[in-house]
Amino acid sequence: MPALQTQFSGGAMTSQTLQAINLMTNLVFPTQGNVWFVAPRTGSDINNSGTNPGSPFKTLAFALSMATAGQNDIIYLLAQSNTASQTTDYQATTLTWNKDAVHLIGVNDGSFLGQRSRISNLSTAAALAPMVNLSANNCIFANLELFQGTPGSGTTSRCLDVTGQRNRIVNCQISGMGDLTAVADVSGSRSLKLSGSENIFQHCYIGLDTALRATMTTEVEISAGARNTFENCHFETYTSLSTFKMVSVATGCDRWIKFVDCDFVAVQNITSAVAPTGAIGITTMNGQVIARNPYLYGFAQYVTADNVYVQVLGFNGLATGHR
């Protein structure tokens, strides 16, 4: 693809930044498709072309409408400030990512959490369940913060649903129920709900440690799907429920769910925090939950009671138990 044009005045998009973007696009991520840019603070869906950083779209929804499925189009979400309100694409309705092989990449410093390429809900859009629905297949989401805050009183909310197949979610924060007033602390709320197959989450922060979960029952619900993998991910929660589960696995899940080098943390030593009895909630499934080299803190055990569907493996590659 041709090199992007430098923005010589206005904004902070330097020639060095553009060179880095061109290098990433042309060498690391070659594509036969189009490249689009979104800048929530300064962009325009009406007046701009969206084809270069100097003329970005304003919203991801519009950029997605311009993208073509199946040709590896790339949408870059440009960080514009350290202030959340100045660098966030706010959703009034569910953002349904429904075009196969259209990729969303945040352009920022690559932080582990709090990435300044942000997606959140408007305060007037309280009951989004989900806020983002990744229903397409073969997509990459990378370097993004997905934060669902200010949900409405008594309404179920979910930050991210992944219903598609073979997607890769890399270096993203996925945090639901971020309401400090606790009016949206509903049992069915989730940070992540996964029902698609053969998806992989790498180096992601999933959950939240700032809003107490006193009614919400789990951060991650895996309701269906086969061969899903979490690799080097940090799961975190703040709960006052001894029965809280970091991950809940449904009977219909198939083959395996794999957690490789993952942390499971229930924060302790702060107001109302308790140590839940088990990190993983499961009765049966058509296969196995495999946790390889996990780290557990704040939970009493991996599962509340022995369960042959959960295997914990140490560095020697041998199963060390399912508790």
C-alpha atoms as a PDB file:
ATOM      1  CA  MET A   1       0.000   0.000   0.000  1.00  0.00           C
ATOM      2  CA  PRO A   2       1.248   3.593  -0.540  1.00  0.00           C
ATOM      3  CA  ALA A   3       2.896   5.437   2.322  1.00  0.00           C
ATOM      4  CA  LEU A   4       0.689   7.679   4.445  1.00  0.00           C
ATOM      5  CA  GLN A   5       0.941  11.457   4.258  1.00  0.00           C
ATOM      6  CA  THR A   6       2.541  13.501   7.026  1.00  0.00           C
ATOM      7  CA  GLN A   7       0.413  15.985   8.940  1.00  0.00           C
ATOM      8  CA  PHE A   8       2.489  19.161   9.029  1.00  0.00           C
ATOM      9  CA  SER A   9       0.214  21.367  11.140  1.00  0.00           C
ATOM     10  CA  GLY A  10      -2.335  20.749  13.868  1.00  0.00           C
ATOM     11  CA  GLY A  11      -2.413  17.786  16.184  1.00  0.00           C
ATOM     12  CA  ALA A  12       0.502  15.747  17.406  1.00  0.00           C
ATOM     13  CA  MET A  13       0.923  13.214  14.567  1.00  0.00           C
ATOM     14  CA  THR A  14       4.636  13.586  13.794  1.00  0.00           C
ATOM     15  CA  SER A  15       6.528  12.228  10.829  1.00  0.00           C
ATOM     16  CA  GLN A  16       8.228   9.753  13.175  1.00  0.00           C
ATOM     17  CA  THR A  17       4.857   8.430  14.339  1.00  0.00           C
ATOM     18  CA  LEU A  18       3.701   8.084  10.748  1.00  0.00           C
ATOM     19  CA  GLN A  19       6.867   6.223   9.851  1.00  0.00           C
ATOM     20  CA  ALA A  20       6.173   3.807  12.684  1.00  0.00           C
ATOM     21  CA  ILE A  21       2.583   3.303  11.511  1.00  0.00           C
ATOM     22  CA  ASN A  22       3.704   2.749   7.914  1.00  0.00           C
ATOM     23  CA  LEU A  23       6.313   0.265   9.054  1.00  0.00           C
ATOM     24  CA  MET A  24       3.788  -1.659  11.154  1.00  0.00           C
ATOM     25  CA  THR A  25       1.250  -1.667   8.339  1.00  0.00           C
ATOM     26  CA  ASN A  26       3.535  -2.569   5.452  1.00  0.00           C
ATOM     27  CA  LEU A  27       5.984  -4.918   7.139  1.00  0.00           C
ATOM     28  CA  VAL A  28       4.402  -6.359  10.276  1.00  0.00           C
ATOM     29  CA  PHE A  29       0.841  -6.383   9.013  1.00  0.00           C
ATOM     30  CA  PRO A  30       0.814  -6.450   5.213  1.00  0.00           C
ATOM     31  CA  THR A  31      -2.698  -6.231   3.805  1.00  0.00           C
ATOM     32  CA  GLN A  32      -4.453  -6.322   0.485  1.00  0.00           C
ATOM     33  CA  GLY A  33      -7.169  -4.161   2.012  1.00  0.00           C
ATOM     34  CA  ASN A  34      -7.726  -0.562   3.040  1.00  0.00           C
ATOM     35  CA  VAL A  35      -6.476   1.302   6.100  1.00  0.00           C
ATOM     36  CA  TRP A  36      -8.771   3.630   8.042  1.00  0.00           C
ATOM     37  CA  PHE A  37      -8.130   6.047  10.907  1.00  0.00           C
ATOM     38  CA  VAL A  38     -10.403   7.123  13.764  1.00  0.00           C
ATOM     39  CA  ALA A  39      -9.729  10.046  16.138  1.00  0.00           C
ATOM     40  CA  PRO A  40     -12.657  10.513  18.557  1.00  0.00           C
ATOM     41  CA  ARG A  41     -11.795  14.090  19.606  1.00  0.00           C
ATOM     42  CA  THR A  42     -10.829  15.726  16.303  1.00  0.00           C
ATOM     43  CA  GLY A  43     -12.219  13.399  13.640  1.00  0.00           C
ATOM     44  CA  SER A  44     -15.299  13.805  11.444  1.00  0.00           C
ATOM     45  CA  ASP A  45     -17.518  11.184   9.831  1.00  0.00           C
ATOM     46  CA  ILE A  46     -18.910  13.854   7.508  1.00  0.00           C
ATOM     47  CA  ASN A  47     -16.013  15.967   6.317  1.00  0.00           C
ATOM     48  CA  ASN A  48     -13.008  13.641   6.496  1.00  0.00           C
ATOM     49  CA  SER A  49     -11.844  10.822   4.234  1.00  0.00           C
ATOM     50  CA  GLY A  50     -10.667   8.551   7.048  1.00  0.00           C
ATOM     51  CA  THR A  51      -7.801   7.334   4.874  1.00  0.00           C
ATOM     52  CA  ASN A  52      -4.957   9.125   6.656  1.00  0.00           C
ATOM     53  CA  PRO A  53      -4.235  10.416  10.181  1.00  0.00           C
ATOM     54  CA  GLY A  54      -4.689  14.020   9.043  1.00  0.00           C
ATOM     55  CA  SER A  55      -8.283  13.340   7.982  1.00  0.00           C
ATOM     56  CA  PRO A  56      -9.642  10.741  10.422  1.00  0.00           C
ATOM     57  CA  PHE A  57     -13.178   9.602  11.020  1.00  0.00           C
ATOM     58  CA  LYS A  58     -14.743  10.336  14.402  1.00  0.00           C
ATOM     59  CA  THR A  59     -16.382   7.000  15.225  1.00  0.00           C
ATOM     60  CA  LEU A  60     -15.544   3.327  14.943  1.00  0.00           C
ATOM     61  CA  ALA A  61     -19.084   2.536  13.813  1.00  0.00           C
ATOM     62  CA  PHE A  62     -18.669   4.721  10.738  1.00  0.00           C
ATOM     63  CA  ALA A  63     -15.200   3.386   9.982  1.00  0.00           C
ATOM     64  CA  LEU A  64     -16.541  -0.161  10.193  1.00  0.00           C
ATOM     65  CA  SER A  65     -19.340   0.755   7.779  1.00  0.00           C
ATOM     66  CA  MET A  66     -16.689   1.860   5.271  1.00  0.00           C
ATOM     67  CA  ALA A  67     -14.561  -1.263   5.647  1.00  0.00           C
ATOM     68  CA  THR A  68     -14.848  -4.298   3.390  1.00  0.00           C
ATOM     69  CA  ALA A  69     -15.135  -7.754   4.914  1.00  0.00           C
ATOM     70  CA  GLY A  70     -12.680 -10.473   4.014  1.00  0.00           C
ATOM     71  CA  GLN A  71      -9.780  -8.368   2.752  1.00  0.00           C
ATOM     72  CA  ASN A  72      -7.935  -7.547   5.988  1.00  0.00           C
ATOM     73  CA  ASP A  73      -8.929  -3.910   6.229  1.00  0.00           C
ATOM     74  CA  ILE A  74      -7.320  -2.236   9.257  1.00  0.00           C
ATOM     75  CA  ILE A  75      -8.940   0.418  11.437  1.00  0.00           C
ATOM     76  CA  TYR A  76      -6.582   2.402  13.676  1.00  0.00           C
ATOM     77  CA  LEU A  77      -8.027   4.051  16.784  1.00  0.00           C
ATOM     78  CA  LEU A  78      -5.722   6.974  17.548  1.00  0.00           C
ATOM     79  CA  ALA A  79      -5.013   7.954  21.147  1.00  0.00           C
ATOM     80  CA  GLN A  80      -5.276  11.740  21.493  1.00  0.00           C
ATOM     81  CA  SER A  81      -4.942  12.534  25.197  1.00  0.00           C
ATOM     82  CA  ASN A  82      -4.260  11.061  28.600  1.00  0.00           C
ATOM     83  CA  THR A  83      -7.723  12.286  29.633  1.00  0.00           C
ATOM     84  CA  ALA A  84     -10.300   9.567  29.061  1.00  0.00           C
ATOM     85  CA  SER A  85     -13.030  11.895  27.793  1.00  0.00           C
ATOM     86  CA  GLN A  86     -10.692  13.257  25.117  1.00  0.00           C
ATOM     87  CA  THR A  87      -9.569   9.945  23.693  1.00  0.00           C
ATOM     88  CA  THR A  88     -12.634   7.651  23.878  1.00  0.00           C
ATOM     89  CA  ASP A  89     -15.087   6.475  21.237  1.00  0.00           C
ATOM     90  CA  TYR A  90     -18.349   6.533  23.208  1.00  0.00           C
ATOM     91  CA  GLN A  91     -21.116   4.115  22.257  1.00  0.00           C
ATOM     92  CA  ALA A  92     -24.816   5.006  22.277  1.00  0.00           C
ATOM     93  CA  THR A  93     -25.758   1.471  21.200  1.00  0.00           C
ATOM     94  CA  THR A  94     -23.938  -1.838  20.954  1.00  0.00           C
ATOM     95  CA  LEU A  95     -20.925  -1.673  18.639  1.00  0.00           C
ATOM     96  CA  THR A  96     -21.387  -4.849  16.611  1.00  0.00           C
ATOM     97  CA  TRP A  97     -18.137  -5.806  14.902  1.00  0.00           C
ATOM     98  CA  ASN A  98     -19.675  -7.974  12.198  1.00  0.00           C
ATOM     99  CA  LYS A  99     -17.258  -7.934   9.254  1.00  0.00           C
ATOM    100  CA  ASP A 100     -14.839 -10.849   8.951  1.00  0.00           C
ATOM    101  CA  ALA A 101     -11.129 -10.024   8.780  1.00  0.00           C
ATOM    102  CA  VAL A 102     -11.513  -6.346   9.655  1.00  0.00           C
ATOM    103  CA  HIS A 103      -8.959  -5.527  12.321  1.00  0.00           C
ATOM    104  CA  LEU A 104      -9.028  -2.872  15.064  1.00  0.00           C
ATOM    105  CA  ILE A 105      -5.705  -1.640  16.421  1.00  0.00           C
ATOM    106  CA  GLY A 106      -5.109   1.096  18.971  1.00  0.00           C
ATOM    107  CA  VAL A 107      -2.261   3.514  18.271  1.00  0.00           C
ATOM    108  CA  ASN A 108      -0.846   4.384  21.704  1.00  0.00           C
ATOM    109  CA  ASP A 109       2.077   3.542  23.974  1.00  0.00           C
ATOM    110  CA  GLY A 110       1.023  -0.097  24.291  1.00  0.00           C
ATOM    111  CA  SER A 111       0.293  -0.016  28.036  1.00  0.00           C
ATOM    112  CA  PHE A 112      -0.912  -3.203  29.712  1.00  0.00           C
ATOM    113  CA  LEU A 113      -4.069  -1.475  30.966  1.00  0.00           C
ATOM    114  CA  GLY A 114      -5.629   1.948  30.649  1.00  0.00           C
ATOM    115  CA  GLN A 115      -4.684   2.154  26.978  1.00  0.00           C
ATOM    116  CA  ARG A 116      -5.599   5.576  25.643  1.00  0.00           C
ATOM    117  CA  SER A 117      -7.270   4.101  22.580  1.00  0.00           C
ATOM    118  CA  ARG A 118     -10.543   3.648  24.446  1.00  0.00           C
ATOM    119  CA  ILE A 119     -14.072   2.386  23.867  1.00  0.00           C
ATOM    120  CA  SER A 120     -16.749   3.107  26.459  1.00  0.00           C
ATOM    121  CA  ASN A 121     -20.480   3.697  26.733  1.00  0.00           C
ATOM    122  CA  LEU A 122     -22.273   7.007  26.943  1.00  0.00           C
ATOM    123  CA  SER A 123     -23.739   7.727  30.362  1.00  0.00           C
ATOM    124  CA  THR A 124     -27.150   7.785  28.645  1.00  0.00           C
ATOM    125  CA  ALA A 125     -26.544   4.284  27.225  1.00  0.00           C
ATOM    126  CA  ALA A 126     -26.572   2.479  30.516  1.00  0.00           C
ATOM    127  CA  ALA A 127     -27.863  -0.998  29.746  1.00  0.00           C
ATOM    128  CA  LEU A 128     -25.685  -2.201  26.883  1.00  0.00           C
ATOM    129  CA  ALA A 129     -25.409  -5.969  27.019  1.00  0.00           C
ATOM    130  CA  PRO A 130     -22.966  -6.056  25.397  1.00  0.00           C
ATOM    131  CA  MET A 131     -21.226  -2.757  24.796  1.00  0.00           C
ATOM    132  CA  VAL A 132     -19.106  -4.411  22.071  1.00  0.00           C
ATOM    133  CA  ASN A 133     -20.071  -7.601  20.255  1.00  0.00           C
ATOM    134  CA  LEU A 134     -17.289  -9.247  18.267  1.00  0.00           C
ATOM    135  CA  SER A 135     -19.487 -11.440  16.091  1.00  0.00           C
ATOM    136  CA  ALA A 136     -17.153 -11.557  13.085  1.00  0.00           C
ATOM    137  CA  ASN A 137     -14.432 -14.121  12.454  1.00  0.00           C
ATOM    138  CA  ASN A 138     -10.676 -13.840  11.884  1.00  0.00           C
ATOM    139  CA  CYS A 139     -10.306 -10.359  13.421  1.00  0.00           C
ATOM    140  CA  ILE A 140      -7.571  -8.799  15.523  1.00  0.00           C
ATOM    141  CA  PHE A 141      -8.355  -6.425  18.403  1.00  0.00           C
ATOM    142  CA  ALA A 142      -5.145  -4.947  19.829  1.00  0.00           C
ATOM    143  CA  ASN A 143      -3.958  -2.199  22.208  1.00  0.00           C
ATOM    144  CA  LEU A 144      -7.435  -1.153  23.337  1.00  0.00           C
ATOM    145  CA  GLU A 145      -9.178  -0.317  26.587  1.00  0.00           C
ATOM    146  CA  LEU A 146     -12.784  -1.476  26.656  1.00  0.00           C
ATOM    147  CA  PHE A 147     -14.422   0.019  29.732  1.00  0.00           C
ATOM    148  CA  GLN A 148     -18.112  -0.151  30.543  1.00  0.00           C
ATOM    149  CA  GLY A 149     -18.895   2.463  33.165  1.00  0.00           C
ATOM    150  CA  THR A 150     -21.971   4.249  34.501  1.00  0.00           C
ATOM    151  CA  PRO A 151     -24.486   1.441  33.861  1.00  0.00           C
ATOM    152  CA  GLY A 152     -28.090   2.051  34.881  1.00  0.00           C
ATOM    153  CA  SER A 153     -29.651   0.969  38.131  1.00  0.00           C
ATOM    154  CA  GLY A 154     -30.638  -2.690  38.203  1.00  0.00           C
ATOM    155  CA  THR A 155     -29.685  -3.351  34.571  1.00  0.00           C
ATOM    156  CA  THR A 156     -27.519  -6.190  33.314  1.00  0.00           C
ATOM    157  CA  SER A 157     -24.472  -4.975  31.410  1.00  0.00           C
ATOM    158  CA  ARG A 158     -21.586  -6.697  29.639  1.00  0.00           C
ATOM    159  CA  CYS A 159     -18.444  -5.065  28.330  1.00  0.00           C
ATOM    160  CA  LEU A 160     -17.463  -7.485  25.540  1.00  0.00           C
ATOM    161  CA  ASP A 161     -19.152 -10.475  23.927  1.00  0.00           C
ATOM    162  CA  VAL A 162     -17.101 -12.655  21.588  1.00  0.00           C
ATOM    163  CA  THR A 163     -19.481 -14.785  19.529  1.00  0.00           C
ATOM    164  CA  GLY A 164     -17.274 -15.149  16.430  1.00  0.00           C
ATOM    165  CA  GLN A 165     -14.523 -17.649  15.679  1.00  0.00           C
ATOM    166  CA  ARG A 166     -10.741 -17.509  15.345  1.00  0.00           C
ATOM    167  CA  ASN A 167     -10.340 -13.969  16.620  1.00  0.00           C
ATOM    168  CA  ARG A 168      -7.205 -12.708  18.342  1.00  0.00           C
ATOM    169  CA  ILE A 169      -7.500 -10.186  21.192  1.00  0.00           C
ATOM    170  CA  VAL A 170      -4.090  -8.792  22.153  1.00  0.00           C
ATOM    171  CA  ASN A 171      -3.009  -6.395  24.908  1.00  0.00           C
ATOM    172  CA  CYS A 172      -6.512  -5.185  25.709  1.00  0.00           C
ATOM    173  CA  GLN A 173      -8.169  -4.145  28.950  1.00  0.00           C
ATOM    174  CA  ILE A 174     -11.675  -5.603  29.178  1.00  0.00           C
ATOM    175  CA  SER A 175     -13.517  -4.189  32.184  1.00  0.00           C
ATOM    176  CA  GLY A 176     -17.235  -4.354  32.874  1.00  0.00           C
ATOM    177  CA  MET A 177     -19.477  -3.009  35.634  1.00  0.00           C
ATOM    178  CA  GLY A 178     -17.284   0.002  36.317  1.00  0.00           C
ATOM    179  CA  ASP A 179     -19.915   1.844  38.314  1.00  0.00           C
ATOM    180  CA  LEU A 180     -18.639   3.017  41.694  1.00  0.00           C
ATOM    181  CA  THR A 181     -22.156   3.746  43.013  1.00  0.00           C
ATOM    182  CA  ALA A 182     -22.986   0.007  42.855  1.00  0.00           C
ATOM    183  CA  VAL A 183     -26.445   0.661  41.377  1.00  0.00           C
ATOM    184  CA  ALA A 184     -25.558  -1.664  38.490  1.00  0.00           C
ATOM    185  CA  ASP A 185     -24.130  -4.469  40.614  1.00  0.00           C
ATOM    186  CA  VAL A 186     -26.366  -7.081  38.961  1.00  0.00           C
ATOM    187  CA  SER A 187     -25.735 -10.829  39.064  1.00  0.00           C
ATOM    188  CA  GLY A 188     -25.752 -11.185  35.269  1.00  0.00           C
ATOM    189  CA  SER A 189     -23.276  -8.408  34.506  1.00  0.00           C
ATOM    190  CA  ARG A 190     -19.930  -9.473  33.032  1.00  0.00           C
ATOM    191  CA  SER A 191     -16.617  -8.102  31.847  1.00  0.00           C
ATOM    192  CA  LEU A 192     -16.433 -10.773  29.131  1.00  0.00           C
ATOM    193  CA  LYS A 193     -18.844 -13.338  27.719  1.00  0.00           C
ATOM    194  CA  LEU A 194     -17.381 -15.874  25.311  1.00  0.00           C
ATOM    195  CA  SER A 195     -19.390 -18.277  23.160  1.00  0.00           C
ATOM    196  CA  GLY A 196     -17.367 -18.484  19.925  1.00  0.00           C
ATOM    197  CA  SER A 197     -14.693 -21.070  19.178  1.00  0.00           C
ATOM    198  CA  GLU A 198     -10.932 -21.074  18.642  1.00  0.00           C
ATOM    199  CA  ASN A 199     -10.386 -17.522  19.868  1.00  0.00           C
ATOM    200  CA  ILE A 200      -7.193 -16.470  21.634  1.00  0.00           C
ATOM    201  CA  PHE A 201      -6.676 -13.741  24.234  1.00  0.00           C
ATOM    202  CA  GLN A 202      -3.054 -12.698  24.732  1.00  0.00           C
ATOM    203  CA  HIS A 203      -1.574 -10.381  27.360  1.00  0.00           C
ATOM    204  CA  CYS A 204      -4.957  -8.956  28.356  1.00  0.00           C
ATOM    205  CA  TYR A 205      -6.244  -7.462  31.609  1.00  0.00           C
ATOM    206  CA  ILE A 206      -9.747  -8.825  32.234  1.00  0.00           C
ATOM    207  CA  GLY A 207     -11.976  -7.669  35.082  1.00  0.00           C
ATOM    208  CA  LEU A 208     -11.815  -4.702  37.446  1.00  0.00           C
ATOM    209  CA  ASP A 209     -10.574  -3.994  40.957  1.00  0.00           C
ATOM    210  CA  THR A 210     -12.209  -0.612  41.638  1.00  0.00           C
ATOM    211  CA  ALA A 211     -15.960  -1.379  41.762  1.00  0.00           C
ATOM    212  CA  LEU A 212     -17.079  -3.892  44.387  1.00  0.00           C
ATOM    213  CA  ARG A 213     -18.913  -6.970  43.113  1.00  0.00           C
ATOM    214  CA  ALA A 214     -21.437  -7.690  45.863  1.00  0.00           C
ATOM    215  CA  THR A 215     -24.134  -9.165  43.569  1.00  0.00           C
ATOM    216  CA  MET A 216     -22.382  -9.794  40.249  1.00  0.00           C
ATOM    217  CA  THR A 217     -21.345 -13.465  40.265  1.00  0.00           C
ATOM    218  CA  THR A 218     -18.507 -13.784  37.733  1.00  0.00           C
ATOM    219  CA  GLU A 219     -16.143 -11.676  35.610  1.00  0.00           C
ATOM    220  CA  VAL A 220     -15.913 -14.059  32.649  1.00  0.00           C
ATOM    221  CA  GLU A 221     -18.696 -16.317  31.403  1.00  0.00           C
ATOM    222  CA  ILE A 222     -17.760 -18.980  28.863  1.00  0.00           C
ATOM    223  CA  SER A 223     -21.169 -20.145  27.749  1.00  0.00           C
ATOM    224  CA  ALA A 224     -20.225 -22.235  24.689  1.00  0.00           C
ATOM    225  CA  GLY A 225     -17.488 -22.798  22.136  1.00  0.00           C
ATOM    226  CA  ALA A 226     -14.446 -25.012  21.700  1.00  0.00           C
ATOM    227  CA  ARG A 227     -10.660 -24.658  21.887  1.00  0.00           C
ATOM    228  CA  ASN A 228     -10.476 -21.150  23.347  1.00  0.00           C
ATOM    229  CA  THR A 229      -7.152 -19.993  24.782  1.00  0.00           C
ATOM    230  CA  PHE A 230      -6.056 -17.331  27.268  1.00  0.00           C
ATOM    231  CA  GLU A 231      -2.319 -16.704  27.240  1.00  0.00           C
ATOM    232  CA  ASN A 232      -0.403 -14.502  29.695  1.00  0.00           C
ATOM    233  CA  CYS A 233      -3.609 -12.781  30.835  1.00  0.00           C
ATOM    234  CA  HIS A 234      -4.296 -11.117  34.181  1.00  0.00           C
ATOM    235  CA  PHE A 235      -7.782 -11.711  35.621  1.00  0.00           C
ATOM    236  CA  GLU A 236      -8.714  -9.434  38.509  1.00  0.00           C
ATOM    237  CA  THR A 237     -11.779  -8.744  40.638  1.00  0.00           C
ATOM    238  CA  TYR A 238     -12.911  -7.021  43.831  1.00  0.00           C
ATOM    239  CA  THR A 239     -15.701  -8.951  45.501  1.00  0.00           C
ATOM    240  CA  SER A 240     -17.462  -9.428  48.817  1.00  0.00           C
ATOM    241  CA  LEU A 241     -18.991 -12.759  47.704  1.00  0.00           C
ATOM    242  CA  SER A 242     -17.356 -15.974  48.876  1.00  0.00           C
ATOM    243  CA  THR A 243     -19.117 -17.763  45.982  1.00  0.00           C
ATOM    244  CA  PHE A 244     -17.775 -15.378  43.308  1.00  0.00           C
ATOM    245  CA  LYS A 245     -16.039 -17.019  40.326  1.00  0.00           C
ATOM    246  CA  MET A 246     -13.457 -15.389  38.130  1.00  0.00           C
ATOM    247  CA  VAL A 247     -14.429 -17.684  35.245  1.00  0.00           C
ATOM    248  CA  SER A 248     -17.660 -19.652  34.876  1.00  0.00           C
ATOM    249  CA  VAL A 249     -17.666 -22.532  32.390  1.00  0.00           C
ATOM    250  CA  ALA A 250     -20.921 -23.922  30.981  1.00  0.00           C
ATOM    251  CA  THR A 251     -21.643 -27.589  30.382  1.00  0.00           C
ATOM    252  CA  GLY A 252     -21.843 -27.047  26.614  1.00  0.00           C
ATOM    253  CA  CYS A 253     -18.212 -25.945  26.269  1.00  0.00           C
ATOM    254  CA  ASP A 254     -16.263 -28.354  24.076  1.00  0.00           C
ATOM    255  CA  ARG A 255     -12.797 -29.898  23.801  1.00  0.00           C
ATOM    256  CA  TRP A 256     -10.646 -27.549  25.889  1.00  0.00           C
ATOM    257  CA  ILE A 257     -10.335 -24.138  27.460  1.00  0.00           C
ATOM    258  CA  LYS A 258      -6.699 -23.321  28.069  1.00  0.00           C
ATOM    259  CA  PHE A 259      -5.176 -20.789  30.477  1.00  0.00           C
ATOM    260  CA  VAL A 260      -1.424 -20.465  29.910  1.00  0.00           C
ATOM    261  CA  ASP A 261       0.698 -18.368  32.332  1.00  0.00           C
ATOM    262  CA  CYS A 262      -2.387 -16.537  33.636  1.00  0.00           C
ATOM    263  CA  ASP A 263      -2.997 -14.725  36.944  1.00  0.00           C
ATOM    264  CA  PHE A 264      -6.244 -15.065  38.891  1.00  0.00           C
ATOM    265  CA  VAL A 265      -6.455 -12.316  41.520  1.00  0.00           C
ATOM    266  CA  ALA A 266      -9.194 -11.410  44.002  1.00  0.00           C
ATOM    267  CA  VAL A 267      -7.919  -8.276  45.709  1.00  0.00           C
ATOM    268  CA  GLN A 268      -7.518  -8.508  49.480  1.00  0.00           C
ATOM    269  CA  ASN A 269      -6.821  -6.195  52.415  1.00  0.00           C
ATOM    270  CA  ILE A 270      -9.316  -3.538  51.332  1.00  0.00           C
ATOM    271  CA  THR A 271     -12.852  -2.738  52.507  1.00  0.00           C
ATOM    272  CA  SER A 272     -15.369  -5.610  52.118  1.00  0.00           C
ATOM    273  CA  ALA A 273     -12.982  -7.843  50.155  1.00  0.00           C
ATOM    274  CA  VAL A 274     -13.244 -11.572  50.840  1.00  0.00           C
ATOM    275  CA  ALA A 275     -11.427 -14.643  49.595  1.00  0.00           C
ATOM    276  CA  PRO A 276     -13.787 -16.590  47.308  1.00  0.00           C
ATOM    277  CA  THR A 277     -13.707 -20.348  47.641  1.00  0.00           C
ATOM    278  CA  GLY A 278     -12.802 -21.050  43.999  1.00  0.00           C
ATOM    279  CA  ALA A 279     -11.620 -19.144  40.927  1.00  0.00           C
ATOM    280  CA  ILE A 280     -13.229 -21.399  38.296  1.00  0.00           C
ATOM    281  CA  GLY A 281     -16.873 -22.399  38.359  1.00  0.00           C
ATOM    282  CA  ILE A 282     -17.644 -25.616  36.493  1.00  0.00           C
ATOM    283  CA  THR A 283     -19.777 -28.727  36.828  1.00  0.00           C
ATOM    284  CA  THR A 284     -19.071 -30.640  33.603  1.00  0.00           C
ATOM    285  CA  MET A 285     -18.055 -29.924  30.013  1.00  0.00           C
ATOM    286  CA  ASN A 286     -17.298 -31.894  26.867  1.00  0.00           C
ATOM    287  CA  GLY A 287     -13.570 -31.750  27.452  1.00  0.00           C
ATOM    288  CA  GLN A 288     -11.134 -30.118  29.847  1.00  0.00           C
ATOM    289  CA  VAL A 289     -10.119 -26.845  31.473  1.00  0.00           C
ATOM    290  CA  ILE A 290      -6.320 -26.710  31.474  1.00  0.00           C
ATOM    291  CA  ALA A 291      -4.443 -24.170  33.589  1.00  0.00           C
ATOM    292  CA  ARG A 292      -0.714 -24.281  32.872  1.00  0.00           C
ATOM    293  CA  ASN A 293       1.636 -22.410  35.212  1.00  0.00           C
ATOM    294  CA  PRO A 294      -1.125 -20.275  36.757  1.00  0.00           C
ATOM    295  CA  TYR A 295      -0.813 -17.764  39.605  1.00  0.00           C
ATOM    296  CA  LEU A 296      -3.583 -17.679  42.203  1.00  0.00           C
ATOM    297  CA  TYR A 297      -4.067 -14.950  44.805  1.00  0.00           C
ATOM    298  CA  GLY A 298      -7.073 -14.153  46.998  1.00  0.00           C
ATOM    299  CA  PHE A 299      -8.970 -17.308  45.990  1.00  0.00           C
ATOM    300  CA  ALA A 300      -8.880 -20.285  48.354  1.00  0.00           C
ATOM    301  CA  GLN A 301      -8.552 -22.797  45.507  1.00  0.00           C
ATOM    302  CA  TYR A 302      -8.758 -23.058  41.727  1.00  0.00           C
ATOM    303  CA  VAL A 303     -12.143 -24.778  42.124  1.00  0.00           C
ATOM    304  CA  THR A 304     -14.257 -24.935  45.270  1.00  0.00           C
ATOM    305  CA  ALA A 305     -14.328 -28.735  45.266  1.00  0.00           C
ATOM    306  CA  ASP A 306     -12.308 -31.327  43.388  1.00  0.00           C
ATOM    307  CA  ASN A 307     -13.408 -31.477  39.757  1.00  0.00           C
ATOM    308  CA  VAL A 308     -11.915 -33.841  37.194  1.00  0.00           C
ATOM    309  CA  TYR A 309     -12.724 -31.378  34.404  1.00  0.00           C
ATOM    310  CA  VAL A 310     -10.077 -28.935  35.674  1.00  0.00           C
ATOM    311  CA  GLN A 311      -6.370 -29.767  35.522  1.00  0.00           C
ATOM    312  CA  VAL A 312      -3.603 -27.516  36.858  1.00  0.00           C
ATOM    313  CA  LEU A 313      -0.171 -28.142  35.363  1.00  0.00           C
ATOM    314  CA  GLY A 314       3.166 -26.977  36.755  1.00  0.00           C
ATOM    315  CA  PHE A 315       6.451 -26.228  35.076  1.00  0.00           C
ATOM    316  CA  ASN A 316       7.280 -29.918  34.744  1.00  0.00           C
ATOM    317  CA  GLY A 317       4.258 -30.397  32.494  1.00  0.00           C
ATOM    318  CA  LEU A 318       2.593 -32.808  34.889  1.00  0.00           C
ATOM    319  CA  ALA A 319      -0.854 -32.316  36.370  1.00  0.00           C
ATOM    320  CA  THR A 320      -0.521 -31.211  39.992  1.00  0.00           C
ATOM    321  CA  GLY A 321      -4.198 -31.452  40.787  1.00  0.00           C
ATOM    322  CA  HIS A 322      -7.496 -29.785  40.107  1.00  0.00           C
ATOM    323  CA  ARG A 323      -7.803 -27.720  43.262  1.00  0.00           C
END
